[in-house]
Amino acid sequence: MAENHLVEEAKRDINRFNVIYDRYFEALFAFIYRRTDDEQLTDDLVSQTFLKAMQNLSKYEFRGLPISAWLFRIATNELNKHFNRYKKERIFSLEEDMVRNIISSENEDENDEKVAILIKILKEIPTDMMEVLELRFFEGKGFKEISYILDITESGAKMRTYRALDKLKNYFNVKMKDNG
């Protein structure tokens, strides 16, 4: 079913919101969980995200982006509120399989070393860099969606992504030389 149709149905009958919930729950849960590494907190933030979405559904307007971009933006705002409220350090928890998909070489031992180094680097890079990399490569979002989710311009999203990739590449090369 087309997203616009789903949204319009849910606007007319809020009981239809469950279709949107079912479609995006897992993606939002994974997105938030990678940033909290806490299942209970993730449940709370996902619930808050969907509650805000449901309460504001009448204000949602299609702007050429899937509704998931709007949901991710709400989730990002909820995460930011949480971290600001409790002055907690931000977390990015990455599954090794996700990182392993990025790296592929013939040598399995070399792969393991590269994956370990990349995970370490990703945990050390600044939050704004990690946000764009996560949205682009782990969530598969385009620059237009990233710009909407993070409330930056599309060119800003591209610039942040390419800068982050450059820094990541430089850090990675240094770490590989240090280990070599």
Foldseek 3Di string as FASTA:
>chain_A
DDQVVLLVVCVVPVVSCVVVCVVCVVVQLVVVCQWPVDNVVSVVLSVVLSVVCSVCSVVDDDDPDGCVLVSLLSSVVSVVCVCVVVVDDIGGHDDLVLLLVVDDDPDPVVSVVLSVQLVVVLRPDDPLLNLLCCCCRVVVDQLVSSCSSVVHDSVVSVVSPVVSVVVSVVSSVVVVVVVD
